[in-house]
C-alpha cells in the first residue's frame, strides 16, 4: 500500500525543533508515528515509534526506525518527549493524550499536531484540559501544540477517565466487542449489512475476509453459509485484529486472524473471498486504488471456480478492475448508495 511521503501534519509536528524551541532530547516515544520528510529532516536518536496501521508500521521499519508494541514496552518506562499524531475520532484521541501524559517523564513534554480540518483546535483544547497550559504554532494548515514541562496530569480524574475511553466494550447487545477508532466501531456498517444479507447459503470451502474490521462480516458469513469449512480474516489495523479474534472466538470452524496489508498479497488461495474494502488509508483523501488492489489480490488468490463477494459505495470506480480481473461479474443488489457484486472466473492467477 502506498504511504504518502508528503505529510503536512508530520512536518508541522517537528517544526518546533526546526525553529530551535528545544533541542532533541535523545530519547522519545512517537505515538501513531508516520514516516516522511518531516521525520527525516534531522537525526532522531533514541526514537521509539508506535503504529497499529500495518502499512505505516512497515514503512517505518523499512526506514530503519524502531517500531514497538506498547503492550510489550516496560510499563514503568517514561520519556522526556512524547510525540503524538492524534486520530480524528475524539474518544480515541483523548485516550491517546492520556497515554502520552502517562508515558511522559517528570519535566518532559507532550507534543502533538493535527490538521486544522481534522480537529486541531479541539485537540489542543483537550490536551490543555488534561495537562494544563499549552503552547502552539500554526503552519501548513496544521497546528502543533505542546505542554509545559509536566509532573503528571493536571487533572488526575480526567486522565483516568480518558484512558478508559479506549477500552474494548460490548456493542450491539453484547454480540460483539469493539472500541473507538475502529471502522464503524459502535454499529453495523450498512454496506457490510447489505453484503451479509445477500450472501448465498451455498458458499463453501476455505474463505477469507479482506479488511475484516472487528469481525461482523465474518460472523455473518459463518452464520449464513453452513458449508464454509475454515475462515481467515485479514485486517491492517492491529486494534481491530485483537477485537476480531475475540469476536470470532469459539467459532464453529477454524479461524485465523492476521494483522496484514491486503495490498501486499495473500499467503494462500481461497474458495470464497468476501470484502468491504476500505477506501481511505489514514487521511481524509479518498483512495479507490485500495479497493482496486483488493480486487486484483482477490483474483490472484481464488482457487479455480472461486467466488468473490464484494460491497462498495456505488460511486467508486471498481467496474474496470472487476472486468479486468474476472471473467464473470454481476451486480447482485444496489441499495442506500451501495452495490453488492459477485465475481467469478478469476484471471491472472499466478
C-alpha atoms as a PDB file:
ATOM      1  CA  UNK A   1       0.000   0.000   0.000  1.00  0.00           C
ATOM      2  CA  UNK A   2       1.244   3.477  -0.836  1.00  0.00           C
ATOM      3  CA  UNK A   3       2.341   5.560   2.171  1.00  0.00           C
ATOM      4  CA  UNK A   4       2.368   9.286   1.391  1.00  0.00           C
ATOM      5  CA  UNK A   5       5.740  10.968   1.740  1.00  0.00           C
ATOM      6  CA  UNK A   6       4.215  14.464   1.868  1.00  0.00           C
ATOM      7  CA  UNK A   7       2.580  14.804   5.261  1.00  0.00           C
ATOM      8  CA  UNK A   8       1.826  18.335   6.441  1.00  0.00           C
ATOM      9  CA  UNK A   9       0.879  17.289   9.976  1.00  0.00           C
ATOM     10  CA  UNK A  10       4.098  15.298  10.345  1.00  0.00           C
ATOM     11  CA  UNK A  11       6.240  18.188   9.098  1.00  0.00           C
ATOM     12  CA  UNK A  12       4.469  20.661  11.368  1.00  0.00           C
ATOM     13  CA  UNK A  13       4.881  18.337  14.360  1.00  0.00           C
ATOM     14  CA  UNK A  14       8.653  18.739  14.052  1.00  0.00           C
ATOM     15  CA  UNK A  15       8.511  22.497  13.374  1.00  0.00           C
ATOM     16  CA  UNK A  16       9.361  23.446  16.995  1.00  0.00           C
ATOM     17  CA  UNK A  17      12.694  21.635  16.609  1.00  0.00           C
ATOM     18  CA  UNK A  18      13.327  23.274  13.225  1.00  0.00           C
ATOM     19  CA  UNK A  19      12.625  26.643  14.878  1.00  0.00           C
ATOM     20  CA  UNK A  20      15.038  25.883  17.716  1.00  0.00           C
ATOM     21  CA  UNK A  21      12.468  25.968  20.523  1.00  0.00           C
ATOM     22  CA  UNK A  22      14.063  22.930  22.191  1.00  0.00           C
ATOM     23  CA  UNK A  23      16.907  20.535  21.453  1.00  0.00           C
ATOM     24  CA  UNK A  24      16.125  16.955  20.550  1.00  0.00           C
ATOM     25  CA  UNK A  25      16.110  15.087  23.895  1.00  0.00           C
ATOM     26  CA  UNK A  26      17.858  11.913  22.743  1.00  0.00           C
ATOM     27  CA  UNK A  27      15.024   9.675  23.925  1.00  0.00           C
ATOM     28  CA  UNK A  28      11.441   9.961  22.718  1.00  0.00           C
ATOM     29  CA  UNK A  29       8.261   7.983  22.123  1.00  0.00           C
ATOM     30  CA  UNK A  30       6.191   8.691  18.999  1.00  0.00           C
ATOM     31  CA  UNK A  31       2.549   7.568  19.239  1.00  0.00           C
ATOM     32  CA  UNK A  32       0.843   6.839  15.892  1.00  0.00           C
ATOM     33  CA  UNK A  33       4.129   7.571  14.163  1.00  0.00           C
ATOM     34  CA  UNK A  34       4.349   8.005  10.418  1.00  0.00           C
ATOM     35  CA  UNK A  35       7.414   8.098   8.209  1.00  0.00           C
ATOM     36  CA  UNK A  36       8.007  11.024   5.892  1.00  0.00           C
ATOM     37  CA  UNK A  37      10.012  14.124   5.150  1.00  0.00           C
ATOM     38  CA  UNK A  38       9.323  15.780   8.498  1.00  0.00           C
ATOM     39  CA  UNK A  39      10.783  12.849  10.370  1.00  0.00           C
ATOM     40  CA  UNK A  40      13.908  12.753   8.209  1.00  0.00           C
ATOM     41  CA  UNK A  41      14.973  16.404   8.272  1.00  0.00           C
ATOM     42  CA  UNK A  42      17.368  15.796  11.179  1.00  0.00           C
ATOM     43  CA  UNK A  43      18.678  12.785  13.123  1.00  0.00           C
ATOM     44  CA  UNK A  44      16.227  11.488  15.749  1.00  0.00           C
ATOM     45  CA  UNK A  45      18.365   9.285  18.002  1.00  0.00           C
ATOM     46  CA  UNK A  46      16.559   7.291  20.661  1.00  0.00           C
ATOM     47  CA  UNK A  47      13.171   7.485  18.925  1.00  0.00           C
ATOM     48  CA  UNK A  48      10.706   4.630  19.510  1.00  0.00           C
ATOM     49  CA  UNK A  49       7.674   4.545  17.222  1.00  0.00           C
ATOM     50  CA  UNK A  50       4.212   3.077  17.861  1.00  0.00           C
ATOM     51  CA  UNK A  51       1.866   2.481  14.937  1.00  0.00           C
ATOM     52  CA  UNK A  52      -1.020  -0.001  14.692  1.00  0.00           C
ATOM     53  CA  UNK A  53      -1.714   0.506  10.952  1.00  0.00           C
ATOM     54  CA  UNK A  54       0.274  -2.186   9.183  1.00  0.00           C
ATOM     55  CA  UNK A  55       1.357  -0.286   6.021  1.00  0.00           C
ATOM     56  CA  UNK A  56       2.568   2.679   8.088  1.00  0.00           C
ATOM     57  CA  UNK A  57       4.357   0.407  10.561  1.00  0.00           C
ATOM     58  CA  UNK A  58       6.110  -1.397   7.719  1.00  0.00           C
ATOM     59  CA  UNK A  59       7.161   1.936   6.166  1.00  0.00           C
ATOM     60  CA  UNK A  60       8.757   2.960   9.464  1.00  0.00           C
ATOM     61  CA  UNK A  61      10.574  -0.359   9.706  1.00  0.00           C
ATOM     62  CA  UNK A  62      11.826  -0.094   6.118  1.00  0.00           C
ATOM     63  CA  UNK A  63      13.213   3.310   7.061  1.00  0.00           C
ATOM     64  CA  UNK A  64      15.276   1.771   9.836  1.00  0.00           C
ATOM     65  CA  UNK A  65      13.148   3.093  12.706  1.00  0.00           C
ATOM     66  CA  UNK A  66      12.332   1.120  15.831  1.00  0.00           C
ATOM     67  CA  UNK A  67       8.634   0.191  15.977  1.00  0.00           C
ATOM     68  CA  UNK A  68       7.324  -1.071  19.302  1.00  0.00           C
ATOM     69  CA  UNK A  69       4.122  -2.561  20.610  1.00  0.00           C
ATOM     70  CA  UNK A  70       3.204  -0.523  23.677  1.00  0.00           C
ATOM     71  CA  UNK A  71       1.856  -3.607  25.428  1.00  0.00           C
ATOM     72  CA  UNK A  72       5.349  -5.122  25.302  1.00  0.00           C
ATOM     73  CA  UNK A  73       7.083  -1.918  26.427  1.00  0.00           C
ATOM     74  CA  UNK A  74       8.050  -1.700  30.108  1.00  0.00           C
ATOM     75  CA  UNK A  75       5.026  -0.006  31.731  1.00  0.00           C
ATOM     76  CA  UNK A  76       7.360   1.916  34.058  1.00  0.00           C
ATOM     77  CA  UNK A  77       9.379   3.444  31.240  1.00  0.00           C
ATOM     78  CA  UNK A  78       8.989   7.193  30.827  1.00  0.00           C
ATOM     79  CA  UNK A  79      10.243   9.567  28.123  1.00  0.00           C
ATOM     80  CA  UNK A  80      11.377  13.212  28.161  1.00  0.00           C
ATOM     81  CA  UNK A  81       9.363  13.734  24.972  1.00  0.00           C
ATOM     82  CA  UNK A  82       6.196  12.041  23.767  1.00  0.00           C
ATOM     83  CA  UNK A  83       5.128  12.913  20.230  1.00  0.00           C
ATOM     84  CA  UNK A  84       1.556  12.312  19.096  1.00  0.00           C
ATOM     85  CA  UNK A  85      -0.264  12.391  15.759  1.00  0.00           C
ATOM     86  CA  UNK A  86      -3.809  12.045  17.126  1.00  0.00           C
ATOM     87  CA  UNK A  87      -6.565  10.349  15.126  1.00  0.00           C
ATOM     88  CA  UNK A  88      -9.750  12.161  14.104  1.00  0.00           C
ATOM     89  CA  UNK A  89     -12.006  10.051  16.333  1.00  0.00           C
ATOM     90  CA  UNK A  90     -12.213  12.146  19.505  1.00  0.00           C
ATOM     91  CA  UNK A  91     -12.592   9.412  22.121  1.00  0.00           C
ATOM     92  CA  UNK A  92      -9.631   7.549  20.662  1.00  0.00           C
ATOM     93  CA  UNK A  93      -7.628  10.791  20.543  1.00  0.00           C
ATOM     94  CA  UNK A  94      -8.430  11.612  24.171  1.00  0.00           C
ATOM     95  CA  UNK A  95      -7.314   8.148  25.247  1.00  0.00           C
ATOM     96  CA  UNK A  96      -4.083   8.667  23.293  1.00  0.00           C
ATOM     97  CA  UNK A  97      -3.455  12.010  25.028  1.00  0.00           C
ATOM     98  CA  UNK A  98      -3.937  10.291  28.391  1.00  0.00           C
ATOM     99  CA  UNK A  99      -1.460   7.613  27.368  1.00  0.00           C
ATOM    100  CA  UNK A 100       1.046  10.252  26.191  1.00  0.00           C
ATOM    101  CA  UNK A 101       0.897  12.119  29.508  1.00  0.00           C
ATOM    102  CA  UNK A 102       1.235   8.853  31.435  1.00  0.00           C
ATOM    103  CA  UNK A 103       4.374   7.969  29.447  1.00  0.00           C
ATOM    104  CA  UNK A 104       5.945  11.408  29.946  1.00  0.00           C
ATOM    105  CA  UNK A 105       8.881  11.602  32.383  1.00  0.00           C
ATOM    106  CA  UNK A 106       8.932  14.275  35.115  1.00  0.00           C
ATOM    107  CA  UNK A 107       9.896  17.528  33.436  1.00  0.00           C
ATOM    108  CA  UNK A 108       9.101  16.122  29.985  1.00  0.00           C
ATOM    109  CA  UNK A 109       6.695  17.391  27.346  1.00  0.00           C
ATOM    110  CA  UNK A 110       3.947  16.064  25.147  1.00  0.00           C
ATOM    111  CA  UNK A 111       3.983  17.497  21.612  1.00  0.00           C
ATOM    112  CA  UNK A 112       1.101  16.830  19.213  1.00  0.00           C
ATOM    113  CA  UNK A 113      -0.052  18.012  15.814  1.00  0.00           C
ATOM    114  CA  UNK A 114      -3.308  17.828  13.847  1.00  0.00           C
ATOM    115  CA  UNK A 115      -4.644  19.263  10.621  1.00  0.00           C
ATOM    116  CA  UNK A 116      -6.988  22.203  11.101  1.00  0.00           C
ATOM    117  CA  UNK A 117      -9.757  20.402   9.221  1.00  0.00           C
ATOM    118  CA  UNK A 118      -9.323  17.267  11.369  1.00  0.00           C
ATOM    119  CA  UNK A 119      -9.998  18.853  14.755  1.00  0.00           C
ATOM    120  CA  UNK A 120      -6.759  20.668  15.640  1.00  0.00           C
ATOM    121  CA  UNK A 121      -8.475  23.277  17.819  1.00  0.00           C
ATOM    122  CA  UNK A 122     -10.416  20.612  19.736  1.00  0.00           C
ATOM    123  CA  UNK A 123      -7.272  18.543  20.119  1.00  0.00           C
ATOM    124  CA  UNK A 124      -5.373  21.494  21.568  1.00  0.00           C
ATOM    125  CA  UNK A 125      -8.221  22.205  23.988  1.00  0.00           C
ATOM    126  CA  UNK A 126      -8.337  18.573  25.073  1.00  0.00           C
ATOM    127  CA  UNK A 127      -4.608  18.383  25.769  1.00  0.00           C
ATOM    128  CA  UNK A 128      -4.912  21.585  27.792  1.00  0.00           C
ATOM    129  CA  UNK A 129      -7.722  20.136  29.905  1.00  0.00           C
ATOM    130  CA  UNK A 130      -5.595  17.109  30.660  1.00  0.00           C
ATOM    131  CA  UNK A 131      -2.137  18.629  31.090  1.00  0.00           C
ATOM    132  CA  UNK A 132      -2.558  22.349  31.813  1.00  0.00           C
ATOM    133  CA  UNK A 133      -1.349  25.298  29.788  1.00  0.00           C
ATOM    134  CA  UNK A 134      -0.214  24.530  26.232  1.00  0.00           C
ATOM    135  CA  UNK A 135       1.734  26.422  23.608  1.00  0.00           C
ATOM    136  CA  UNK A 136       1.095  26.185  19.895  1.00  0.00           C
ATOM    137  CA  UNK A 137       2.090  27.209  16.395  1.00  0.00           C
ATOM    138  CA  UNK A 138       0.251  27.037  13.081  1.00  0.00           C
ATOM    139  CA  UNK A 139       1.750  26.159   9.711  1.00  0.00           C
ATOM    140  CA  UNK A 140       0.715  24.272   6.553  1.00  0.00           C
ATOM    141  CA  UNK A 141      -2.949  24.423   7.672  1.00  0.00           C
ATOM    142  CA  UNK A 142      -1.965  22.377  10.732  1.00  0.00           C
ATOM    143  CA  UNK A 143      -1.485  23.158  14.394  1.00  0.00           C
ATOM    144  CA  UNK A 144       1.315  21.835  16.591  1.00  0.00           C
ATOM    145  CA  UNK A 145       0.643  22.140  20.319  1.00  0.00           C
ATOM    146  CA  UNK A 146       2.636  21.165  23.370  1.00  0.00           C
ATOM    147  CA  UNK A 147       2.585  21.053  27.136  1.00  0.00           C
ATOM    148  CA  UNK A 148       4.794  22.846  29.605  1.00  0.00           C
ATOM    149  CA  UNK A 149       7.245  20.541  31.437  1.00  0.00           C
ATOM    150  CA  UNK A 150       4.999  18.041  33.175  1.00  0.00           C
ATOM    151  CA  UNK A 151       4.808  16.495  36.608  1.00  0.00           C
ATOM    152  CA  UNK A 152       1.913  14.212  35.699  1.00  0.00           C
ATOM    153  CA  UNK A 153      -1.559  15.217  34.509  1.00  0.00           C
ATOM    154  CA  UNK A 154      -3.147  18.460  35.670  1.00  0.00           C
ATOM    155  CA  UNK A 155      -6.381  16.544  36.287  1.00  0.00           C
ATOM    156  CA  UNK A 156      -5.819  13.011  37.609  1.00  0.00           C
ATOM    157  CA  UNK A 157      -9.501  12.055  37.496  1.00  0.00           C
ATOM    158  CA  UNK A 158      -9.823  13.209  33.894  1.00  0.00           C
ATOM    159  CA  UNK A 159      -6.680  11.289  32.944  1.00  0.00           C
ATOM    160  CA  UNK A 160      -8.151   8.086  34.368  1.00  0.00           C
ATOM    161  CA  UNK A 161     -11.484   8.692  32.649  1.00  0.00           C
ATOM    162  CA  UNK A 162      -9.896   9.392  29.276  1.00  0.00           C
ATOM    163  CA  UNK A 163      -7.543   6.417  29.499  1.00  0.00           C
ATOM    164  CA  UNK A 164     -10.629   4.212  29.905  1.00  0.00           C
ATOM    165  CA  UNK A 165     -12.196   5.567  26.701  1.00  0.00           C
ATOM    166  CA  UNK A 166     -10.051   3.194  24.663  1.00  0.00           C
ATOM    167  CA  UNK A 167     -11.131   0.042  26.460  1.00  0.00           C
ATOM    168  CA  UNK A 168     -12.915  -2.622  24.370  1.00  0.00           C
ATOM    169  CA  UNK A 169     -16.613  -2.728  25.196  1.00  0.00           C
ATOM    170  CA  UNK A 170     -19.681  -4.735  24.307  1.00  0.00           C
ATOM    171  CA  UNK A 171     -21.773  -3.386  21.424  1.00  0.00           C
ATOM    172  CA  UNK A 172     -24.967  -4.435  19.667  1.00  0.00           C
ATOM    173  CA  UNK A 173     -26.436  -6.027  22.745  1.00  0.00           C
ATOM    174  CA  UNK A 174     -23.238  -7.857  23.604  1.00  0.00           C
ATOM    175  CA  UNK A 175     -22.922  -9.703  20.292  1.00  0.00           C
ATOM    176  CA  UNK A 176     -19.574  -8.055  19.531  1.00  0.00           C
ATOM    177  CA  UNK A 177     -16.827  -6.155  21.314  1.00  0.00           C
ATOM    178  CA  UNK A 178     -15.341  -3.031  19.776  1.00  0.00           C
ATOM    179  CA  UNK A 179     -13.572   0.218  20.647  1.00  0.00           C
ATOM    180  CA  UNK A 180     -13.383   3.800  19.349  1.00  0.00           C
ATOM    181  CA  UNK A 181     -11.271   4.326  16.238  1.00  0.00           C
ATOM    182  CA  UNK A 182     -12.134   1.025  14.591  1.00  0.00           C
ATOM    183  CA  UNK A 183     -14.209   1.403  11.404  1.00  0.00           C
ATOM    184  CA  UNK A 184     -17.932   1.684  12.260  1.00  0.00           C
ATOM    185  CA  UNK A 185     -16.852   0.821  15.785  1.00  0.00           C
ATOM    186  CA  UNK A 186     -20.217   1.026  17.586  1.00  0.00           C
ATOM    187  CA  UNK A 187     -22.622  -0.119  14.869  1.00  0.00           C
ATOM    188  CA  UNK A 188     -23.136  -2.394  11.898  1.00  0.00           C
ATOM    189  CA  UNK A 189     -21.826  -0.697   8.783  1.00  0.00           C
ATOM    190  CA  UNK A 190     -24.755  -0.527   6.320  1.00  0.00           C
ATOM    191  CA  UNK A 191     -22.615  -1.643   3.380  1.00  0.00           C
ATOM    192  CA  UNK A 192     -21.452  -4.736   5.274  1.00  0.00           C
ATOM    193  CA  UNK A 193     -25.039  -5.423   6.345  1.00  0.00           C
ATOM    194  CA  UNK A 194     -26.165  -5.275   2.706  1.00  0.00           C
ATOM    195  CA  UNK A 195     -23.459  -7.707   1.654  1.00  0.00           C
ATOM    196  CA  UNK A 196     -24.266 -10.073   4.520  1.00  0.00           C
ATOM    197  CA  UNK A 197     -27.948 -10.085   3.595  1.00  0.00           C
ATOM    198  CA  UNK A 198     -27.129 -11.294   0.061  1.00  0.00           C
ATOM    199  CA  UNK A 199     -24.530 -13.960   0.817  1.00  0.00           C
ATOM    200  CA  UNK A 200     -25.827 -17.221  -0.656  1.00  0.00           C
ATOM    201  CA  UNK A 201     -26.035 -20.285   1.564  1.00  0.00           C
ATOM    202  CA  UNK A 202     -24.107 -22.404  -0.964  1.00  0.00           C
ATOM    203  CA  UNK A 203     -20.761 -20.677  -0.389  1.00  0.00           C
ATOM    204  CA  UNK A 204     -18.340 -23.398   0.706  1.00  0.00           C
ATOM    205  CA  UNK A 205     -14.746 -24.266   1.473  1.00  0.00           C
ATOM    206  CA  UNK A 206     -11.946 -22.108   2.842  1.00  0.00           C
ATOM    207  CA  UNK A 207     -12.958 -18.446   2.975  1.00  0.00           C
ATOM    208  CA  UNK A 208     -11.203 -15.139   3.573  1.00  0.00           C
ATOM    209  CA  UNK A 209     -12.495 -11.742   4.707  1.00  0.00           C
ATOM    210  CA  UNK A 210     -10.343  -8.896   3.384  1.00  0.00           C
ATOM    211  CA  UNK A 211     -10.411  -5.782   5.550  1.00  0.00           C
ATOM    212  CA  UNK A 212     -12.319  -7.607   8.260  1.00  0.00           C
ATOM    213  CA  UNK A 213     -12.609  -4.856  10.883  1.00  0.00           C
ATOM    214  CA  UNK A 214     -13.936  -6.137  14.195  1.00  0.00           C
ATOM    215  CA  UNK A 215     -15.354  -9.237  12.503  1.00  0.00           C
ATOM    216  CA  UNK A 216     -19.024  -8.525  11.741  1.00  0.00           C
ATOM    217  CA  UNK A 217     -18.974  -9.735   8.136  1.00  0.00           C
ATOM    218  CA  UNK A 218     -17.024 -12.869   9.043  1.00  0.00           C
ATOM    219  CA  UNK A 219     -19.527 -13.738  11.771  1.00  0.00           C
ATOM    220  CA  UNK A 220     -22.384 -13.294   9.308  1.00  0.00           C
ATOM    221  CA  UNK A 221     -20.631 -15.431   6.691  1.00  0.00           C
ATOM    222  CA  UNK A 222     -20.346 -18.305   9.161  1.00  0.00           C
ATOM    223  CA  UNK A 223     -23.938 -17.882  10.319  1.00  0.00           C
ATOM    224  CA  UNK A 224     -25.434 -17.753   6.827  1.00  0.00           C
ATOM    225  CA  UNK A 225     -23.193 -20.216   4.965  1.00  0.00           C
ATOM    226  CA  UNK A 226     -23.015 -23.578   6.775  1.00  0.00           C
ATOM    227  CA  UNK A 227     -20.653 -25.113   4.200  1.00  0.00           C
ATOM    228  CA  UNK A 228     -17.799 -22.721   4.975  1.00  0.00           C
ATOM    229  CA  UNK A 229     -15.132 -25.002   6.461  1.00  0.00           C
ATOM    230  CA  UNK A 230     -12.418 -22.542   7.538  1.00  0.00           C
ATOM    231  CA  UNK A 231     -12.027 -18.780   7.634  1.00  0.00           C
ATOM    232  CA  UNK A 232      -9.094 -16.351   7.572  1.00  0.00           C
ATOM    233  CA  UNK A 233      -9.516 -12.682   8.429  1.00  0.00           C
ATOM    234  CA  UNK A 234      -7.066 -10.044   7.154  1.00  0.00           C
ATOM    235  CA  UNK A 235      -7.021  -6.581   8.718  1.00  0.00           C
ATOM    236  CA  UNK A 236      -4.428  -3.779   8.614  1.00  0.00           C
ATOM    237  CA  UNK A 237      -5.379  -2.153  11.931  1.00  0.00           C
ATOM    238  CA  UNK A 238      -3.982  -4.030  14.919  1.00  0.00           C
ATOM    239  CA  UNK A 239      -6.691  -2.665  17.224  1.00  0.00           C
ATOM    240  CA  UNK A 240      -9.323  -4.293  15.036  1.00  0.00           C
ATOM    241  CA  UNK A 241      -7.358  -7.543  14.768  1.00  0.00           C
ATOM    242  CA  UNK A 242      -7.481  -8.068  18.531  1.00  0.00           C
ATOM    243  CA  UNK A 243     -11.232  -7.427  18.522  1.00  0.00           C
ATOM    244  CA  UNK A 244     -11.879  -9.778  15.611  1.00  0.00           C
ATOM    245  CA  UNK A 245     -10.019 -12.562  17.407  1.00  0.00           C
ATOM    246  CA  UNK A 246     -12.191 -12.024  20.450  1.00  0.00           C
ATOM    247  CA  UNK A 247     -15.410 -11.785  18.454  1.00  0.00           C
ATOM    248  CA  UNK A 248     -14.744 -14.971  16.452  1.00  0.00           C
ATOM    249  CA  UNK A 249     -13.513 -16.972  19.419  1.00  0.00           C
ATOM    250  CA  UNK A 250     -15.345 -20.284  19.654  1.00  0.00           C
ATOM    251  CA  UNK A 251     -16.483 -20.211  16.020  1.00  0.00           C
ATOM    252  CA  UNK A 252     -17.765 -23.489  14.559  1.00  0.00           C
ATOM    253  CA  UNK A 253     -14.821 -23.666  12.100  1.00  0.00           C
ATOM    254  CA  UNK A 254     -11.068 -22.988  12.371  1.00  0.00           C
ATOM    255  CA  UNK A 255     -10.494 -19.211  12.276  1.00  0.00           C
ATOM    256  CA  UNK A 256      -7.241 -17.297  11.901  1.00  0.00           C
ATOM    257  CA  UNK A 257      -6.933 -13.500  12.125  1.00  0.00           C
ATOM    258  CA  UNK A 258      -3.922 -11.771  10.570  1.00  0.00           C
ATOM    259  CA  UNK A 259      -2.501  -8.260  11.029  1.00  0.00           C
ATOM    260  CA  UNK A 260      -1.791  -7.858   7.354  1.00  0.00           C
ATOM    261  CA  UNK A 261      -1.778  -5.356   4.498  1.00  0.00           C
ATOM    262  CA  UNK A 262      -4.005  -6.986   1.881  1.00  0.00           C
ATOM    263  CA  UNK A 263      -2.496  -4.876  -0.901  1.00  0.00           C
ATOM    264  CA  UNK A 264       0.756  -6.797  -0.407  1.00  0.00           C
ATOM    265  CA  UNK A 265      -0.997 -10.027  -1.461  1.00  0.00           C
ATOM    266  CA  UNK A 266      -2.266 -13.075   0.420  1.00  0.00           C
ATOM    267  CA  UNK A 267      -0.307 -16.140   1.564  1.00  0.00           C
ATOM    268  CA  UNK A 268      -2.630 -18.816   0.106  1.00  0.00           C
ATOM    269  CA  UNK A 269      -5.642 -19.454  -2.140  1.00  0.00           C
ATOM    270  CA  UNK A 270      -9.305 -19.496  -1.146  1.00  0.00           C
ATOM    271  CA  UNK A 271     -12.595 -20.865  -2.382  1.00  0.00           C
ATOM    272  CA  UNK A 272     -14.513 -17.771  -1.234  1.00  0.00           C
ATOM    273  CA  UNK A 273     -13.448 -14.195  -0.568  1.00  0.00           C
ATOM    274  CA  UNK A 274     -15.726 -11.563   0.933  1.00  0.00           C
ATOM    275  CA  UNK A 275     -14.785  -7.925   1.314  1.00  0.00           C
ATOM    276  CA  UNK A 276     -15.967  -4.446   2.138  1.00  0.00           C
ATOM    277  CA  UNK A 277     -12.731  -2.763   1.006  1.00  0.00           C
ATOM    278  CA  UNK A 278     -11.552   0.415   2.739  1.00  0.00           C
ATOM    279  CA  UNK A 279     -11.407   3.485   0.535  1.00  0.00           C
ATOM    280  CA  UNK A 280      -9.364   5.665   2.872  1.00  0.00           C
ATOM    281  CA  UNK A 281      -5.944   4.985   4.384  1.00  0.00           C
ATOM    282  CA  UNK A 282      -5.099   7.204   7.382  1.00  0.00           C
ATOM    283  CA  UNK A 283      -6.178  10.556   5.979  1.00  0.00           C
ATOM    284  CA  UNK A 284      -9.320  12.118   4.567  1.00  0.00           C
ATOM    285  CA  UNK A 285      -8.306  11.556   0.951  1.00  0.00           C
ATOM    286  CA  UNK A 286     -10.484   9.067  -0.925  1.00  0.00           C
ATOM    287  CA  UNK A 287      -8.371   6.136  -2.113  1.00  0.00           C
ATOM    288  CA  UNK A 288     -10.198   3.977  -4.690  1.00  0.00           C
ATOM    289  CA  UNK A 289      -6.808   2.485  -5.595  1.00  0.00           C
ATOM    290  CA  UNK A 290      -7.003   0.441  -2.388  1.00  0.00           C
ATOM    291  CA  UNK A 291     -10.262  -1.194  -3.450  1.00  0.00           C
ATOM    292  CA  UNK A 292      -8.943  -1.844  -6.942  1.00  0.00           C
ATOM    293  CA  UNK A 293      -5.906  -3.550  -5.457  1.00  0.00           C
ATOM    294  CA  UNK A 294      -8.150  -5.638  -3.167  1.00  0.00           C
ATOM    295  CA  UNK A 295      -9.973  -6.840  -6.297  1.00  0.00           C
ATOM    296  CA  UNK A 296      -6.701  -7.743  -8.019  1.00  0.00           C
ATOM    297  CA  UNK A 297      -5.408  -9.592  -4.955  1.00  0.00           C
ATOM    298  CA  UNK A 298      -8.699 -11.458  -4.642  1.00  0.00           C
ATOM    299  CA  UNK A 299      -8.433 -12.609  -8.256  1.00  0.00           C
ATOM    300  CA  UNK A 300      -4.863 -13.794  -7.676  1.00  0.00           C
ATOM    301  CA  UNK A 301      -5.872 -15.630  -4.503  1.00  0.00           C
ATOM    302  CA  UNK A 302      -9.007 -17.522  -5.541  1.00  0.00           C
ATOM    303  CA  UNK A 303      -8.978 -21.187  -6.423  1.00  0.00           C
ATOM    304  CA  UNK A 304     -10.286 -22.152  -9.839  1.00  0.00           C
ATOM    305  CA  UNK A 305     -14.050 -21.725  -9.606  1.00  0.00           C
ATOM    306  CA  UNK A 306     -13.700 -19.480  -6.545  1.00  0.00           C
ATOM    307  CA  UNK A 307     -16.075 -16.594  -5.885  1.00  0.00           C
ATOM    308  CA  UNK A 308     -15.598 -13.015  -4.751  1.00  0.00           C
ATOM    309  CA  UNK A 309     -18.454 -11.262  -2.941  1.00  0.00           C
ATOM    310  CA  UNK A 310     -17.781  -7.556  -2.572  1.00  0.00           C
ATOM    311  CA  UNK A 311     -19.675  -4.455  -1.455  1.00  0.00           C
ATOM    312  CA  UNK A 312     -18.712  -0.858  -2.205  1.00  0.00           C
ATOM    313  CA  UNK A 313     -20.083   2.647  -2.493  1.00  0.00           C
ATOM    314  CA  UNK A 314     -21.851   2.921  -5.829  1.00  0.00           C
ATOM    315  CA  UNK A 315     -19.758   5.915  -6.914  1.00  0.00           C
ATOM    316  CA  UNK A 316     -16.437   4.109  -6.549  1.00  0.00           C
ATOM    317  CA  UNK A 317     -14.931   3.156  -9.945  1.00  0.00           C
ATOM    318  CA  UNK A 318     -14.355  -0.567  -9.481  1.00  0.00           C
ATOM    319  CA  UNK A 319     -16.047  -1.875 -12.641  1.00  0.00           C
ATOM    320  CA  UNK A 320     -12.936  -1.714 -14.813  1.00  0.00           C
ATOM    321  CA  UNK A 321     -10.861  -3.590 -12.231  1.00  0.00           C
ATOM    322  CA  UNK A 322     -13.565  -6.235 -11.845  1.00  0.00           C
ATOM    323  CA  UNK A 323     -13.865  -6.734 -15.598  1.00  0.00           C
ATOM    324  CA  UNK A 324     -10.089  -6.841 -15.968  1.00  0.00           C
ATOM    325  CA  UNK A 325      -9.560  -9.498 -13.315  1.00  0.00           C
ATOM    326  CA  UNK A 326     -12.715 -11.632 -13.571  1.00  0.00           C
ATOM    327  CA  UNK A 327     -14.467 -13.332 -16.441  1.00  0.00           C
ATOM    328  CA  UNK A 328     -17.954 -13.074 -14.933  1.00  0.00           C
ATOM    329  CA  UNK A 329     -19.202 -10.095 -12.922  1.00  0.00           C
ATOM    330  CA  UNK A 330     -22.748  -9.401 -11.843  1.00  0.00           C
ATOM    331  CA  UNK A 331     -24.333  -6.753  -9.662  1.00  0.00           C
ATOM    332  CA  UNK A 332     -26.447  -8.576  -7.094  1.00  0.00           C
ATOM    333  CA  UNK A 333     -28.019  -5.633  -5.271  1.00  0.00           C
ATOM    334  CA  UNK A 334     -27.978  -1.838  -5.063  1.00  0.00           C
ATOM    335  CA  UNK A 335     -29.377  -0.021  -2.070  1.00  0.00           C
ATOM    336  CA  UNK A 336     -28.633   3.037   0.056  1.00  0.00           C
ATOM    337  CA  UNK A 337     -25.751   4.165  -2.144  1.00  0.00           C
ATOM    338  CA  UNK A 338     -24.041   0.751  -2.062  1.00  0.00           C
ATOM    339  CA  UNK A 339     -23.631  -2.078  -4.558  1.00  0.00           C
ATOM    340  CA  UNK A 340     -23.073  -5.795  -3.962  1.00  0.00           C
ATOM    341  CA  UNK A 341     -21.107  -7.622  -6.648  1.00  0.00           C
ATOM    342  CA  UNK A 342     -20.335 -11.279  -7.240  1.00  0.00           C
ATOM    343  CA  UNK A 343     -17.301 -12.055  -9.422  1.00  0.00           C
ATOM    344  CA  UNK A 344     -16.126 -15.429 -10.751  1.00  0.00           C
ATOM    345  CA  UNK A 345     -13.630 -16.737 -13.256  1.00  0.00           C
ATOM    346  CA  UNK A 346     -10.561 -15.049 -11.835  1.00  0.00           C
ATOM    347  CA  UNK A 347      -7.953 -14.065 -14.385  1.00  0.00           C
ATOM    348  CA  UNK A 348      -4.227 -13.682 -13.808  1.00  0.00           C
ATOM    349  CA  UNK A 349      -3.854 -16.464 -11.249  1.00  0.00           C
ATOM    350  CA  UNK A 350      -0.134 -16.969 -10.624  1.00  0.00           C
END
